All heavy atoms as atom14 arrays in JSON, in Angstrom:
{
  "sequence": "SCAASGRTFSSYRMGWFRQAPGKEREFVAAINWRGG",
  "atom14_mask": [
    [1, 1, 1, 1, 1, 1, 0, 0, 0, 0, 0, 0, 0, 0],
    [1, 1, 1, 1, 1, 1, 0, 0, 0, 0, 0, 0, 0, 0],
    [1, 1, 1, 1, 1, 0, 0, 0, 0, 0, 0, 0, 0, 0],
    [1, 1, 1, 1, 1, 0, 0, 0, 0, 0, 0, 0, 0, 0],
    [1, 1, 1, 1, 1, 1, 0, 0, 0, 0, 0, 0, 0, 0],
    [1, 1, 1, 1, 0, 0, 0, 0, 0, 0, 0, 0, 0, 0],
    [1, 1, 1, 1, 1, 1, 1, 1, 1, 1, 1, 0, 0, 0],
    [1, 1, 1, 1, 1, 1, 1, 0, 0, 0, 0, 0, 0, 0],
    [1, 1, 1, 1, 1, 1, 1, 1, 1, 1, 1, 0, 0, 0],
    [1, 1, 1, 1, 1, 1, 0, 0, 0, 0, 0, 0, 0, 0],
    [1, 1, 1, 1, 1, 1, 0, 0, 0, 0, 0, 0, 0, 0],
    [1, 1, 1, 1, 1, 1, 1, 1, 1, 1, 1, 1, 0, 0],
    [1, 1, 1, 1, 1, 1, 1, 1, 1, 1, 1, 0, 0, 0],
    [1, 1, 1, 1, 1, 1, 1, 1, 0, 0, 0, 0, 0, 0],
    [1, 1, 1, 1, 0, 0, 0, 0, 0, 0, 0, 0, 0, 0],
    [1, 1, 1, 1, 1, 1, 1, 1, 1, 1, 1, 1, 1, 1],
    [1, 1, 1, 1, 1, 1, 1, 1, 1, 1, 1, 0, 0, 0],
    [1, 1, 1, 1, 1, 1, 1, 1, 1, 1, 1, 0, 0, 0],
    [1, 1, 1, 1, 1, 1, 1, 1, 1, 0, 0, 0, 0, 0],
    [1, 1, 1, 1, 1, 0, 0, 0, 0, 0, 0, 0, 0, 0],
    [1, 1, 1, 1, 1, 1, 1, 0, 0, 0, 0, 0, 0, 0],
    [1, 1, 1, 1, 0, 0, 0, 0, 0, 0, 0, 0, 0, 0],
    [1, 1, 1, 1, 1, 1, 1, 1, 1, 0, 0, 0, 0, 0],
    [1, 1, 1, 1, 1, 1, 1, 1, 1, 0, 0, 0, 0, 0],
    [1, 1, 1, 1, 1, 1, 1, 1, 1, 1, 1, 0, 0, 0],
    [1, 1, 1, 1, 1, 1, 1, 1, 1, 0, 0, 0, 0, 0],
    [1, 1, 1, 1, 1, 1, 1, 1, 1, 1, 1, 0, 0, 0],
    [1, 1, 1, 1, 1, 1, 1, 0, 0, 0, 0, 0, 0, 0],
    [1, 1, 1, 1, 1, 0, 0, 0, 0, 0, 0, 0, 0, 0],
    [1, 1, 1, 1, 1, 0, 0, 0, 0, 0, 0, 0, 0, 0],
    [1, 1, 1, 1, 1, 1, 1, 1, 0, 0, 0, 0, 0, 0],
    [1, 1, 1, 1, 1, 1, 1, 1, 0, 0, 0, 0, 0, 0],
    [1, 1, 1, 1, 1, 1, 1, 1, 1, 1, 1, 1, 1, 1],
    [1, 1, 1, 1, 1, 1, 1, 1, 1, 1, 1, 0, 0, 0],
    [1, 1, 1, 1, 0, 0, 0, 0, 0, 0, 0, 0, 0, 0],
    [1, 1, 1, 1, 0, 0, 0, 0, 0, 0, 0, 0, 0, 0]
  ],
  "atom14_positions": [
    [[77.71, 20.8, 118.31], [77.16, 19.89, 117.32], [75.72, 19.57, 117.69], [75.37, 19.5, 118.86], [77.97, 18.59, 117.27], [79.31, 18.84, 116.91], [0.0, 0.0, 0.0], [0.0, 0.0, 0.0], [0.0, 0.0, 0.0], [0.0, 0.0, 0.0], [0.0, 0.0, 0.0], [0.0, 0.0, 0.0], [0.0, 0.0, 0.0], [0.0, 0.0, 0.0]],
    [[74.92, 19.33, 116.68], [73.53, 18.94, 116.87], [73.25, 17.78, 115.93], [73.15, 17.96, 114.72], [72.6, 20.1, 116.59], [70.84, 19.65, 116.64], [0.0, 0.0, 0.0], [0.0, 0.0, 0.0], [0.0, 0.0, 0.0], [0.0, 0.0, 0.0], [0.0, 0.0, 0.0], [0.0, 0.0, 0.0], [0.0, 0.0, 0.0], [0.0, 0.0, 0.0]],
    [[73.15, 16.59, 116.5], [72.88, 15.39, 115.72], [71.38, 15.18, 115.63], [70.69, 15.13, 116.65], [73.55, 14.18, 116.35], [0.0, 0.0, 0.0], [0.0, 0.0, 0.0], [0.0, 0.0, 0.0], [0.0, 0.0, 0.0], [0.0, 0.0, 0.0], [0.0, 0.0, 0.0], [0.0, 0.0, 0.0], [0.0, 0.0, 0.0], [0.0, 0.0, 0.0]],
    [[70.88, 15.04, 114.42], [69.45, 14.89, 114.19], [69.12, 13.47, 113.77], [69.86, 12.85, 113.0], [68.98, 15.87, 113.13], [0.0, 0.0, 0.0], [0.0, 0.0, 0.0], [0.0, 0.0, 0.0], [0.0, 0.0, 0.0], [0.0, 0.0, 0.0], [0.0, 0.0, 0.0], [0.0, 0.0, 0.0], [0.0, 0.0, 0.0], [0.0, 0.0, 0.0]],
    [[68.01, 12.97, 114.24], [67.53, 11.65, 113.82], [66.0, 11.72, 113.7], [65.37, 12.62, 114.23], [67.92, 10.57, 114.82], [67.39, 10.84, 116.1], [0.0, 0.0, 0.0], [0.0, 0.0, 0.0], [0.0, 0.0, 0.0], [0.0, 0.0, 0.0], [0.0, 0.0, 0.0], [0.0, 0.0, 0.0], [0.0, 0.0, 0.0], [0.0, 0.0, 0.0]],
    [[65.44, 10.77, 113.0], [64.01, 10.79, 112.78], [63.72, 11.21, 111.35], [64.37, 10.74, 110.43], [0.0, 0.0, 0.0], [0.0, 0.0, 0.0], [0.0, 0.0, 0.0], [0.0, 0.0, 0.0], [0.0, 0.0, 0.0], [0.0, 0.0, 0.0], [0.0, 0.0, 0.0], [0.0, 0.0, 0.0], [0.0, 0.0, 0.0], [0.0, 0.0, 0.0]],
    [[62.81, 12.13, 111.17], [62.42, 12.55, 109.83], [63.38, 13.59, 109.28], [63.0, 14.64, 108.83], [61.0, 13.1, 109.83], [59.95, 12.07, 110.18], [58.56, 12.66, 110.06], [58.31, 13.14, 108.7], [57.26, 13.87, 108.37], [56.39, 14.23, 109.28], [57.08, 14.26, 107.13], [0.0, 0.0, 0.0], [0.0, 0.0, 0.0], [0.0, 0.0, 0.0]],
    [[64.66, 13.32, 109.35], [65.64, 14.31, 108.94], [65.6, 14.6, 107.44], [65.98, 15.67, 107.02], [67.05, 13.86, 109.32], [67.27, 12.57, 108.76], [67.21, 13.78, 110.81], [0.0, 0.0, 0.0], [0.0, 0.0, 0.0], [0.0, 0.0, 0.0], [0.0, 0.0, 0.0], [0.0, 0.0, 0.0], [0.0, 0.0, 0.0], [0.0, 0.0, 0.0]],
    [[65.14, 13.67, 106.65], [65.13, 13.9, 105.21], [64.21, 15.03, 104.83], [64.33, 15.62, 103.78], [64.69, 12.61, 104.49], [63.27, 12.2, 104.81], [62.21, 12.64, 104.02], [62.99, 11.41, 105.9], [60.91, 12.27, 104.31], [61.69, 11.04, 106.2], [60.64, 11.47, 105.41], [0.0, 0.0, 0.0], [0.0, 0.0, 0.0], [0.0, 0.0, 0.0]],
    [[63.27, 15.34, 105.7], [62.33, 16.4, 105.38], [62.54, 17.66, 106.2], [61.77, 18.6, 106.1], [60.9, 15.91, 105.57], [60.68, 15.52, 106.9], [0.0, 0.0, 0.0], [0.0, 0.0, 0.0], [0.0, 0.0, 0.0], [0.0, 0.0, 0.0], [0.0, 0.0, 0.0], [0.0, 0.0, 0.0], [0.0, 0.0, 0.0], [0.0, 0.0, 0.0]],
    [[63.6, 17.68, 107.02], [63.86, 18.88, 107.83], [64.16, 20.04, 106.91], [64.95, 19.93, 105.99], [65.04, 18.64, 108.76], [64.73, 17.66, 109.71], [0.0, 0.0, 0.0], [0.0, 0.0, 0.0], [0.0, 0.0, 0.0], [0.0, 0.0, 0.0], [0.0, 0.0, 0.0], [0.0, 0.0, 0.0], [0.0, 0.0, 0.0], [0.0, 0.0, 0.0]],
    [[63.54, 21.15, 107.16], [63.71, 22.28, 106.26], [64.57, 23.38, 106.86], [65.41, 23.94, 106.2], [62.36, 22.87, 105.87], [62.51, 23.86, 104.76], [62.63, 23.43, 103.45], [62.56, 25.22, 105.01], [62.78, 24.33, 102.42], [62.72, 26.14, 103.99], [62.83, 25.68, 102.69], [62.99, 26.58, 101.68], [0.0, 0.0, 0.0], [0.0, 0.0, 0.0]],
    [[64.36, 23.69, 108.12], [65.14, 24.73, 108.78], [65.7, 24.18, 110.09], [65.02, 23.48, 110.83], [64.27, 25.94, 109.12], [63.57, 26.55, 107.94], [63.01, 27.91, 108.3], [62.02, 27.87, 109.37], [60.75, 27.51, 109.19], [60.34, 27.13, 108.01], [59.91, 27.54, 110.19], [0.0, 0.0, 0.0], [0.0, 0.0, 0.0], [0.0, 0.0, 0.0]],
    [[66.94, 24.52, 110.35], [67.54, 24.19, 111.64], [68.2, 25.43, 112.19], [68.77, 26.23, 111.44], [68.54, 23.05, 111.51], [67.88, 21.74, 111.11], [68.95, 20.32, 111.28], [69.04, 20.16, 113.07], [0.0, 0.0, 0.0], [0.0, 0.0, 0.0], [0.0, 0.0, 0.0], [0.0, 0.0, 0.0], [0.0, 0.0, 0.0], [0.0, 0.0, 0.0]],
    [[68.08, 25.59, 113.49], [68.62, 26.81, 114.08], [69.24, 26.57, 115.44], [69.06, 25.52, 116.05], [0.0, 0.0, 0.0], [0.0, 0.0, 0.0], [0.0, 0.0, 0.0], [0.0, 0.0, 0.0], [0.0, 0.0, 0.0], [0.0, 0.0, 0.0], [0.0, 0.0, 0.0], [0.0, 0.0, 0.0], [0.0, 0.0, 0.0], [0.0, 0.0, 0.0]],
    [[69.99, 27.55, 115.87], [70.55, 27.59, 117.22], [69.96, 28.8, 117.95], [69.94, 29.91, 117.39], [72.07, 27.7, 117.18], [72.78, 26.47, 116.75], [73.22, 26.15, 115.5], [73.14, 25.36, 117.58], [73.83, 24.93, 115.49], [73.79, 24.41, 116.76], [72.98, 25.05, 118.94], [74.3, 23.21, 117.26], [73.46, 23.86, 119.43], [74.11, 22.95, 118.59]],
    [[69.53, 28.55, 119.14], [69.04, 29.6, 120.02], [69.8, 29.49, 121.34], [70.4, 28.46, 121.62], [67.54, 29.46, 120.26], [66.7, 29.73, 119.04], [66.6, 28.8, 118.02], [66.03, 30.93, 118.91], [65.83, 29.06, 116.89], [65.26, 31.21, 117.78], [65.17, 30.27, 116.78], [0.0, 0.0, 0.0], [0.0, 0.0, 0.0], [0.0, 0.0, 0.0]],
    [[69.74, 30.53, 122.14], [70.4, 30.49, 123.44], [69.55, 31.2, 124.48], [68.76, 32.09, 124.15], [71.8, 31.08, 123.38], [71.83, 32.56, 123.09], [73.28, 33.02, 122.89], [73.37, 34.46, 122.65], [74.49, 35.09, 122.31], [75.62, 34.4, 122.16], [74.49, 36.4, 122.13], [0.0, 0.0, 0.0], [0.0, 0.0, 0.0], [0.0, 0.0, 0.0]],
    [[69.75, 30.78, 125.71], [69.01, 31.4, 126.8], [69.92, 31.54, 128.01], [70.43, 30.54, 128.53], [67.77, 30.57, 127.16], [66.85, 31.25, 128.15], [65.49, 30.6, 128.21], [65.3, 29.46, 127.8], [64.51, 31.32, 128.74], [0.0, 0.0, 0.0], [0.0, 0.0, 0.0], [0.0, 0.0, 0.0], [0.0, 0.0, 0.0], [0.0, 0.0, 0.0]],
    [[70.12, 32.78, 128.41], [70.91, 33.08, 129.6], [69.98, 33.17, 130.81], [68.77, 33.43, 130.65], [71.65, 34.39, 129.41], [0.0, 0.0, 0.0], [0.0, 0.0, 0.0], [0.0, 0.0, 0.0], [0.0, 0.0, 0.0], [0.0, 0.0, 0.0], [0.0, 0.0, 0.0], [0.0, 0.0, 0.0], [0.0, 0.0, 0.0], [0.0, 0.0, 0.0]],
    [[70.5, 32.99, 132.0], [69.65, 33.06, 133.2], [68.9, 34.38, 133.29], [69.49, 35.45, 133.12], [70.66, 32.92, 134.34], [71.78, 32.15, 133.75], [71.87, 32.62, 132.33], [0.0, 0.0, 0.0], [0.0, 0.0, 0.0], [0.0, 0.0, 0.0], [0.0, 0.0, 0.0], [0.0, 0.0, 0.0], [0.0, 0.0, 0.0], [0.0, 0.0, 0.0]],
    [[67.6, 34.3, 133.5], [66.79, 35.49, 133.65], [66.46, 36.2, 132.36], [65.84, 37.28, 132.39], [0.0, 0.0, 0.0], [0.0, 0.0, 0.0], [0.0, 0.0, 0.0], [0.0, 0.0, 0.0], [0.0, 0.0, 0.0], [0.0, 0.0, 0.0], [0.0, 0.0, 0.0], [0.0, 0.0, 0.0], [0.0, 0.0, 0.0], [0.0, 0.0, 0.0]],
    [[66.85, 35.62, 131.24], [66.58, 36.26, 129.95], [65.74, 35.35, 129.07], [65.66, 34.13, 129.29], [67.9, 36.6, 129.24], [68.73, 37.65, 129.96], [69.91, 38.06, 129.11], [70.7, 39.18, 129.78], [71.84, 39.62, 128.95], [0.0, 0.0, 0.0], [0.0, 0.0, 0.0], [0.0, 0.0, 0.0], [0.0, 0.0, 0.0], [0.0, 0.0, 0.0]],
    [[65.14, 35.94, 128.06], [64.34, 35.16, 127.12], [65.27, 34.42, 126.14], [66.4, 34.82, 125.91], [63.39, 36.07, 126.35], [62.31, 36.7, 127.23], [61.28, 37.46, 126.42], [61.48, 37.6, 125.2], [60.29, 37.91, 127.02], [0.0, 0.0, 0.0], [0.0, 0.0, 0.0], [0.0, 0.0, 0.0], [0.0, 0.0, 0.0], [0.0, 0.0, 0.0]],
    [[64.72, 33.36, 125.57], [65.47, 32.62, 124.56], [65.64, 33.52, 123.34], [64.69, 34.15, 122.87], [64.72, 31.35, 124.19], [65.52, 30.39, 123.33], [64.86, 29.04, 123.26], [64.76, 28.41, 124.58], [64.4, 27.15, 124.77], [64.09, 26.38, 123.74], [64.32, 26.66, 125.99], [0.0, 0.0, 0.0], [0.0, 0.0, 0.0], [0.0, 0.0, 0.0]],
    [[66.85, 33.56, 122.79], [67.12, 34.43, 121.66], [67.75, 33.65, 120.51], [68.46, 32.66, 120.71], [68.02, 35.59, 122.06], [69.42, 35.2, 122.48], [70.32, 36.41, 122.71], [69.86, 37.56, 122.56], [71.51, 36.2, 123.03], [0.0, 0.0, 0.0], [0.0, 0.0, 0.0], [0.0, 0.0, 0.0], [0.0, 0.0, 0.0], [0.0, 0.0, 0.0]],
    [[67.5, 34.16, 119.32], [68.03, 33.57, 118.11], [69.52, 33.8, 118.01], [70.02, 34.87, 118.35], [67.32, 34.19, 116.9], [67.95, 33.87, 115.58], [67.83, 32.6, 115.03], [68.68, 34.83, 114.9], [68.42, 32.31, 113.82], [69.27, 34.55, 113.69], [69.14, 33.29, 113.14], [0.0, 0.0, 0.0], [0.0, 0.0, 0.0], [0.0, 0.0, 0.0]],
    [[70.23, 32.77, 117.51], [71.67, 32.88, 117.3], [71.99, 32.72, 115.81], [72.6, 33.59, 115.2], [72.43, 31.81, 118.11], [73.92, 31.87, 117.79], [72.19, 31.99, 119.6], [0.0, 0.0, 0.0], [0.0, 0.0, 0.0], [0.0, 0.0, 0.0], [0.0, 0.0, 0.0], [0.0, 0.0, 0.0], [0.0, 0.0, 0.0], [0.0, 0.0, 0.0]],
    [[71.58, 31.59, 115.23], [71.9, 31.32, 113.83], [70.94, 30.27, 113.3], [70.38, 29.48, 114.07], [73.34, 30.85, 113.66], [0.0, 0.0, 0.0], [0.0, 0.0, 0.0], [0.0, 0.0, 0.0], [0.0, 0.0, 0.0], [0.0, 0.0, 0.0], [0.0, 0.0, 0.0], [0.0, 0.0, 0.0], [0.0, 0.0, 0.0], [0.0, 0.0, 0.0]],
    [[70.76, 30.24, 111.97], [69.88, 29.25, 111.36], [70.38, 28.92, 109.96], [71.13, 29.71, 109.36], [68.44, 29.76, 111.3], [0.0, 0.0, 0.0], [0.0, 0.0, 0.0], [0.0, 0.0, 0.0], [0.0, 0.0, 0.0], [0.0, 0.0, 0.0], [0.0, 0.0, 0.0], [0.0, 0.0, 0.0], [0.0, 0.0, 0.0], [0.0, 0.0, 0.0]],
    [[69.95, 27.76, 109.48], [70.39, 27.32, 108.16], [69.28, 26.56, 107.46], [68.5, 25.84, 108.1], [71.66, 26.44, 108.29], [72.28, 26.17, 106.91], [71.35, 25.13, 109.02], [73.7, 25.61, 106.99], [0.0, 0.0, 0.0], [0.0, 0.0, 0.0], [0.0, 0.0, 0.0], [0.0, 0.0, 0.0], [0.0, 0.0, 0.0], [0.0, 0.0, 0.0]],
    [[69.19, 26.78, 106.17], [68.28, 26.03, 105.32], [68.92, 24.68, 105.04], [70.02, 24.63, 104.5], [68.05, 26.81, 104.03], [67.22, 26.07, 103.02], [67.54, 24.95, 102.64], [66.13, 26.68, 102.6], [0.0, 0.0, 0.0], [0.0, 0.0, 0.0], [0.0, 0.0, 0.0], [0.0, 0.0, 0.0], [0.0, 0.0, 0.0], [0.0, 0.0, 0.0]],
    [[68.24, 23.61, 105.43], [68.86, 22.28, 105.37], [69.23, 21.88, 103.95], [70.23, 21.24, 103.7], [67.9, 21.24, 105.96], [68.5, 19.88, 106.05], [68.3, 18.84, 105.19], [69.41, 19.42, 107.05], [69.03, 17.74, 105.6], [69.72, 18.07, 106.72], [70.0, 20.0, 108.15], [70.58, 17.3, 107.5], [70.86, 19.23, 108.92], [71.14, 17.91, 108.59]],
    [[68.44, 22.31, 102.98], [68.67, 21.87, 101.6], [69.63, 22.8, 100.86], [70.61, 22.36, 100.27], [67.35, 21.78, 100.85], [66.44, 20.71, 101.4], [65.06, 20.74, 100.79], [64.18, 19.76, 101.42], [62.88, 19.7, 101.22], [62.29, 20.54, 100.4], [62.14, 18.79, 101.84], [0.0, 0.0, 0.0], [0.0, 0.0, 0.0], [0.0, 0.0, 0.0]],
    [[69.36, 24.09, 100.89], [70.16, 25.02, 100.11], [71.35, 25.61, 100.84], [72.28, 26.11, 100.22], [0.0, 0.0, 0.0], [0.0, 0.0, 0.0], [0.0, 0.0, 0.0], [0.0, 0.0, 0.0], [0.0, 0.0, 0.0], [0.0, 0.0, 0.0], [0.0, 0.0, 0.0], [0.0, 0.0, 0.0], [0.0, 0.0, 0.0], [0.0, 0.0, 0.0]],
    [[71.31, 25.57, 102.18], [72.43, 26.07, 102.93], [72.41, 27.56, 103.22], [73.39, 28.09, 103.75], [0.0, 0.0, 0.0], [0.0, 0.0, 0.0], [0.0, 0.0, 0.0], [0.0, 0.0, 0.0], [0.0, 0.0, 0.0], [0.0, 0.0, 0.0], [0.0, 0.0, 0.0], [0.0, 0.0, 0.0], [0.0, 0.0, 0.0], [0.0, 0.0, 0.0]]
  ]
}
C-alpha cells in the first residue's frame, strides 16, 4: 500500500519501482490517478 497526502488532488501519475542490492532502480507498475 502507498498512502498519499499533500497535494493528492493534483497527482497525475503514481508508480511502483523496485531496487535490488547492487542493481539499478527499475520500473514495476504505474497508474494514471484520474483515468486509471
